[in-house]
């Protein structure tokens, strides 16, 4: 009899444990409005993951198809409200939040307390790792600010802090750090000076200063011709000429690139030439 009672108690305990366990949602329930997301987060005492996307962004689509469907990412719904914002349709909000590229995921510790950001595509495990590291204060803007304060000549730390400022809509601070990296390591021994110049050029480009971008892309190609970023810089220099309306020069540079670097982005470069010739979509 005692054994039967003990068995019954154990069965009830097991039922209560598993019955009360949190269930992993089958899919992420997206909120389509930031203010609504804040209200829900405040009511449920959660943080927020705000995903800014565009319909023409292939990496945004890939996030939807691979990252947000993963169990370990869906599990984050226990502690975060997921909000999705179309940056093209809600351009004023995207501008207000300093969104400079897609996808951008802003992580909020609380409805009005930004923890940090993820820029670009991440697979599920990396996405989860970034979130948990940010929760621990690792790799955040404040983290790198403290690191740089303690070691202001460390080019890697300066570069990473510059990236943080770039994606927070703080271009002046980002430029200052990128150029400091180059000044501290002109020969690019630490392999951050070429990246810093590319990021500076890209920042000019994103701010629609195509002359400034062109100057820095060319500077990168001339200063670090062996850099892996040099080829991208050459492509972007041609792209900037096209943006400036100098189509003849842009086309000549694209054709030269195809000749000098066969097999490197051939499809994309040919597409740009077709557009200049009026054949593009």
Protein backbone atom coordinates (compact mmCIF):
# COMPACT_ATOMS: atom_id res chain seq x y z
CA UNK A 1 0.00 0.00 0.00
CA UNK A 2 2.79 2.41 0.93
CA UNK A 3 4.56 1.59 -2.35
CA UNK A 4 1.37 2.32 -4.30
CA UNK A 5 0.96 5.66 -2.55
CA UNK A 6 4.61 6.55 -3.21
CA UNK A 7 4.20 5.66 -6.88
CA UNK A 8 1.09 7.82 -7.10
CA UNK A 9 2.91 10.78 -5.51
CA UNK A 10 5.80 10.40 -7.93
CA UNK A 11 3.46 10.26 -10.91
CA UNK A 12 1.68 13.41 -9.76
CA UNK A 13 5.03 15.17 -9.25
CA UNK A 14 6.21 14.20 -12.72
CA UNK A 15 2.92 15.38 -14.20
CA UNK A 16 3.20 18.74 -12.42
CA UNK A 17 6.80 19.23 -13.49
CA UNK A 18 6.18 18.50 -17.16
CA UNK A 19 2.74 20.06 -17.18
CA UNK A 20 4.14 23.36 -15.91
CA UNK A 21 7.23 23.32 -18.15
CA UNK A 22 7.39 26.09 -20.70
CA UNK A 23 6.51 25.05 -24.21
CA UNK A 24 8.70 26.17 -27.07
CA UNK A 25 6.47 28.02 -29.54
CA UNK A 26 6.01 26.36 -32.92
CA UNK A 27 6.72 29.68 -34.60
CA UNK A 28 7.61 33.22 -33.65
CA UNK A 29 4.60 35.46 -33.19
CA UNK A 30 5.71 38.70 -34.80
CA UNK A 31 4.35 42.06 -33.71
CA UNK A 32 4.21 44.51 -36.62
CA UNK A 33 4.22 47.75 -34.64
CA UNK A 34 6.97 49.04 -32.36
CA UNK A 35 4.67 50.82 -29.91
CA UNK A 36 2.48 47.73 -29.59
CA UNK A 37 5.59 45.63 -29.01
CA UNK A 38 6.70 47.97 -26.23
CA UNK A 39 3.31 47.69 -24.51
CA UNK A 40 3.42 43.90 -24.64
CA UNK A 41 7.03 43.80 -23.44
CA UNK A 42 6.23 46.07 -20.53
CA UNK A 43 3.14 44.05 -19.58
CA UNK A 44 4.96 40.70 -19.78
CA UNK A 45 8.23 42.02 -18.29
CA UNK A 46 10.24 41.02 -21.35
CA UNK A 47 12.87 42.56 -23.58
CA UNK A 48 12.37 43.07 -27.33
CA UNK A 49 14.07 41.88 -30.51
CA UNK A 50 13.19 44.40 -33.22
CA UNK A 51 13.98 43.14 -36.71
CA UNK A 52 14.25 45.84 -39.41
CA UNK A 53 14.00 44.38 -42.92
CA UNK A 54 13.26 45.20 -46.54
CA UNK A 55 11.41 43.03 -49.04
CA UNK A 56 14.32 43.29 -51.51
CA UNK A 57 16.87 42.13 -48.92
CA UNK A 58 17.92 38.53 -49.62
CA UNK A 59 19.66 38.17 -46.25
CA UNK A 60 16.48 39.27 -44.47
CA UNK A 61 14.65 36.49 -46.27
CA UNK A 62 17.36 34.03 -45.30
CA UNK A 63 16.97 35.05 -41.63
CA UNK A 64 13.26 34.23 -41.89
CA UNK A 65 13.89 30.88 -43.60
CA UNK A 66 16.76 29.59 -41.47
CA UNK A 67 17.35 31.54 -38.27
CA UNK A 68 13.92 32.44 -36.94
CA UNK A 69 12.53 28.95 -37.51
CA UNK A 70 15.20 27.28 -35.35
CA UNK A 71 14.13 25.94 -31.97
CA UNK A 72 16.87 27.70 -29.98
CA UNK A 73 15.83 31.02 -31.51
CA UNK A 74 12.10 30.40 -31.06
CA UNK A 75 12.88 29.68 -27.41
CA UNK A 76 13.95 33.32 -27.01
CA UNK A 77 10.23 34.15 -27.12
CA UNK A 78 10.22 33.22 -23.43
CA UNK A 79 12.15 36.37 -22.61
CA UNK A 80 11.74 38.61 -25.67
CA UNK A 81 8.89 40.05 -27.71
CA UNK A 82 9.68 39.78 -31.43
CA UNK A 83 8.86 42.88 -33.51
CA UNK A 84 9.25 43.13 -37.30
CA UNK A 85 9.47 46.51 -39.07
CA UNK A 86 9.60 47.09 -42.85
CA UNK A 87 12.31 49.74 -43.16
CA UNK A 88 11.07 50.87 -46.58
CA UNK A 89 7.45 51.29 -45.56
CA UNK A 90 8.31 52.84 -42.20
CA UNK A 91 11.31 54.83 -43.40
CA UNK A 92 10.82 57.56 -40.81
CA UNK A 93 11.20 55.06 -37.97
CA UNK A 94 14.19 53.45 -39.69
CA UNK A 95 15.83 56.86 -39.98
CA UNK A 96 14.96 57.71 -36.38
CA UNK A 97 16.61 54.48 -35.20
CA UNK A 98 19.70 55.05 -37.37
CA UNK A 99 19.19 51.94 -39.49
CA UNK A 100 21.99 51.88 -42.05
CA UNK A 101 21.74 48.35 -43.41
CA UNK A 102 19.47 45.30 -43.54
CA UNK A 103 18.76 43.20 -41.69
CA UNK A 104 19.31 45.11 -38.45
CA UNK A 105 18.12 43.59 -35.19
CA UNK A 106 17.93 45.90 -32.18
CA UNK A 107 17.99 44.11 -28.84
CA UNK A 108 16.20 45.86 -26.00
CA UNK A 109 16.83 44.91 -22.39
CA UNK A 110 13.59 46.72 -21.54
CA UNK A 111 11.07 48.50 -23.82
CA UNK A 112 13.09 51.73 -23.80
CA UNK A 113 16.60 50.43 -23.04
CA UNK A 114 18.63 49.38 -26.08
CA UNK A 115 21.17 46.70 -25.28
CA UNK A 116 22.88 46.47 -28.67
CA UNK A 117 22.42 45.54 -32.33
CA UNK A 118 23.07 42.72 -34.74
CA UNK A 119 23.83 43.83 -38.29
CA UNK A 120 23.42 41.41 -41.17
CA UNK A 121 22.58 37.73 -41.39
CA UNK A 122 23.47 35.30 -38.61
CA UNK A 123 22.71 31.56 -38.49
CA UNK A 124 20.70 30.30 -35.49
CA UNK A 125 23.53 29.30 -33.14
CA UNK A 126 25.49 32.51 -33.77
CA UNK A 127 22.34 34.58 -33.33
CA UNK A 128 21.62 32.97 -29.95
CA UNK A 129 25.25 33.39 -28.87
CA UNK A 130 25.24 37.10 -29.72
CA UNK A 131 22.05 37.62 -27.72
CA UNK A 132 23.36 35.82 -24.64
CA UNK A 133 26.74 37.58 -24.86
CA UNK A 134 25.02 40.96 -25.01
CA UNK A 135 22.94 39.98 -21.98
CA UNK A 136 26.22 39.39 -20.14
CA UNK A 137 27.61 42.71 -21.35
CA UNK A 138 30.09 41.08 -23.74
CA UNK A 139 30.65 42.76 -27.11
CA UNK A 140 28.25 45.64 -26.58
CA UNK A 141 28.90 49.29 -27.37
CA UNK A 142 29.52 50.00 -23.69
CA UNK A 143 31.87 47.00 -23.52
CA UNK A 144 34.10 48.35 -26.30
CA UNK A 145 33.96 51.88 -24.95
CA UNK A 146 35.39 50.58 -21.65
CA UNK A 147 37.99 48.50 -23.47
CA UNK A 148 39.15 51.44 -25.59
CA UNK A 149 39.30 53.69 -22.55
CA UNK A 150 41.69 51.18 -20.97
CA UNK A 151 43.74 50.60 -24.14
CA UNK A 152 43.35 53.48 -26.58
CA UNK A 153 46.10 52.25 -28.95
CA UNK A 154 44.61 48.81 -29.61
CA UNK A 155 43.61 48.94 -33.27
CA UNK A 156 41.28 45.94 -33.05
CA UNK A 157 39.30 47.50 -30.21
CA UNK A 158 39.23 50.87 -31.98
CA UNK A 159 37.96 49.25 -35.16
CA UNK A 160 35.20 47.31 -33.40
CA UNK A 161 34.08 50.40 -31.51
CA UNK A 162 34.05 52.30 -34.82
CA UNK A 163 31.74 49.64 -36.25
CA UNK A 164 29.41 50.05 -33.28
CA UNK A 165 29.22 53.81 -33.83
CA UNK A 166 28.71 53.32 -37.56
CA UNK A 167 25.61 51.20 -37.06
CA UNK A 168 24.26 53.43 -34.29
CA UNK A 169 24.03 56.41 -36.66
CA UNK A 170 27.07 58.17 -35.16
CA UNK A 171 29.23 58.71 -38.26
CA UNK A 172 31.57 61.40 -36.91
CA UNK A 173 32.72 59.16 -34.06
CA UNK A 174 33.00 56.19 -36.41
CA UNK A 175 35.12 58.12 -38.93
CA UNK A 176 37.45 59.33 -36.16
CA UNK A 177 38.09 55.78 -34.97
CA UNK A 178 38.52 54.28 -38.44
CA UNK A 179 41.10 56.89 -39.37
CA UNK A 180 42.87 56.46 -36.03
CA UNK A 181 43.25 52.76 -36.83
CA UNK A 182 44.95 53.61 -40.13
CA UNK A 183 47.16 56.23 -38.47
CA UNK A 184 48.31 53.78 -35.78
CA UNK A 185 49.05 50.96 -38.23
CA UNK A 186 49.84 52.36 -41.71
CA UNK A 187 51.46 49.11 -42.96
CA UNK A 188 48.36 47.16 -41.93
CA UNK A 189 50.34 44.72 -39.79
CA UNK A 190 47.35 43.99 -37.57
CA UNK A 191 45.04 43.58 -40.60
CA UNK A 192 42.52 46.20 -39.48
CA UNK A 193 43.66 49.29 -41.39
CA UNK A 194 42.36 48.04 -44.72
CA UNK A 195 39.03 47.14 -43.10
CA UNK A 196 38.89 50.53 -41.43
CA UNK A 197 39.35 52.32 -44.77
CA UNK A 198 36.67 50.15 -46.36
CA UNK A 199 34.24 50.89 -43.54
CA UNK A 200 34.96 54.62 -43.82
CA UNK A 201 34.31 54.49 -47.58
CA UNK A 202 31.13 52.48 -47.01
CA UNK A 203 29.98 55.02 -44.44
CA UNK A 204 30.43 57.83 -46.98
CA UNK A 205 28.46 55.73 -49.46
CA UNK A 206 25.59 55.03 -47.07
CA UNK A 207 25.38 58.74 -46.35
CA UNK A 208 25.11 59.32 -50.13
CA UNK A 209 28.43 61.18 -50.24
CA UNK A 210 29.55 59.39 -53.39
CA UNK A 211 32.59 61.62 -53.96
CA UNK A 212 33.84 60.91 -50.46
CA UNK A 213 33.17 57.20 -50.91
CA UNK A 214 34.94 57.14 -54.29
CA UNK A 215 38.01 58.85 -52.80
CA UNK A 216 38.31 56.33 -49.99
CA UNK A 217 37.64 53.26 -52.12
CA UNK A 218 40.42 54.39 -54.45
CA UNK A 219 42.64 55.19 -51.49
CA UNK A 220 42.16 51.66 -50.19
CA UNK A 221 43.00 50.07 -53.54
CA UNK A 222 46.13 52.19 -53.88
CA UNK A 223 47.32 51.87 -50.29
CA UNK A 224 46.60 48.17 -49.79
CA UNK A 225 46.48 46.57 -53.27
CA UNK A 226 47.00 43.07 -51.85
CA UNK A 227 44.15 43.38 -49.37
CA UNK A 228 41.11 41.13 -49.73
CA UNK A 229 39.07 44.34 -49.53
CA UNK A 230 40.83 45.87 -52.53
CA UNK A 231 38.74 44.02 -55.10
CA UNK A 232 35.50 45.07 -53.45
CA UNK A 233 36.81 48.61 -53.32
CA UNK A 234 37.50 48.57 -57.07
CA UNK A 235 33.96 47.39 -57.77
CA UNK A 236 32.52 50.03 -55.49
CA UNK A 237 34.64 52.77 -57.09
CA UNK A 238 32.97 51.99 -60.43
CA UNK A 239 29.60 51.91 -58.70
CA UNK A 240 30.25 55.37 -57.21
CA UNK A 241 31.14 56.76 -60.65
CA UNK A 242 27.78 55.49 -61.88
CA UNK A 243 26.04 57.15 -58.93
CA UNK A 244 27.78 60.39 -59.87
CA UNK A 245 26.47 60.09 -63.43
CA UNK A 246 29.88 59.33 -64.94
CA UNK A 247 28.65 56.26 -66.79
CA UNK A 248 31.46 56.08 -69.35
CA UNK A 249 34.09 55.92 -66.63
CA UNK A 250 32.03 53.44 -64.61
CA UNK A 251 31.61 51.13 -67.60
CA UNK A 252 35.31 51.29 -68.45
CA UNK A 253 36.23 50.37 -64.87
CA UNK A 254 33.76 47.48 -64.82
CA UNK A 255 35.16 46.08 -68.08
CA UNK A 256 38.71 46.46 -66.79
CA UNK A 257 37.70 44.62 -63.63
CA UNK A 258 36.26 41.73 -65.64
CA UNK A 259 39.49 41.49 -67.61
CA UNK A 260 41.83 41.78 -64.61
CA UNK A 261 39.84 39.58 -62.21
CA UNK A 262 37.96 36.88 -64.16
CA UNK A 263 35.66 34.79 -62.02
CA UNK A 264 35.29 37.38 -59.27
CA UNK A 265 31.71 38.67 -59.09
CA UNK A 266 31.38 38.35 -62.89
CA UNK A 267 27.59 38.09 -62.77
CA UNK A 268 27.15 41.19 -60.60
CA UNK A 269 29.62 43.27 -62.62
CA UNK A 270 27.97 42.30 -65.92
CA UNK A 271 24.61 43.20 -64.42
CA UNK A 272 25.93 46.68 -63.61
CA UNK A 273 27.25 47.07 -67.17
CA UNK A 274 23.85 46.05 -68.55
CA UNK A 275 22.18 48.68 -66.40
CA UNK A 276 24.54 51.36 -67.71
CA UNK A 277 23.70 50.26 -71.26
CA UNK A 278 19.99 50.38 -70.52
CA UNK A 279 19.57 46.61 -70.62
CA UNK A 280 19.05 46.09 -66.91
CA UNK A 281 15.74 45.55 -65.16
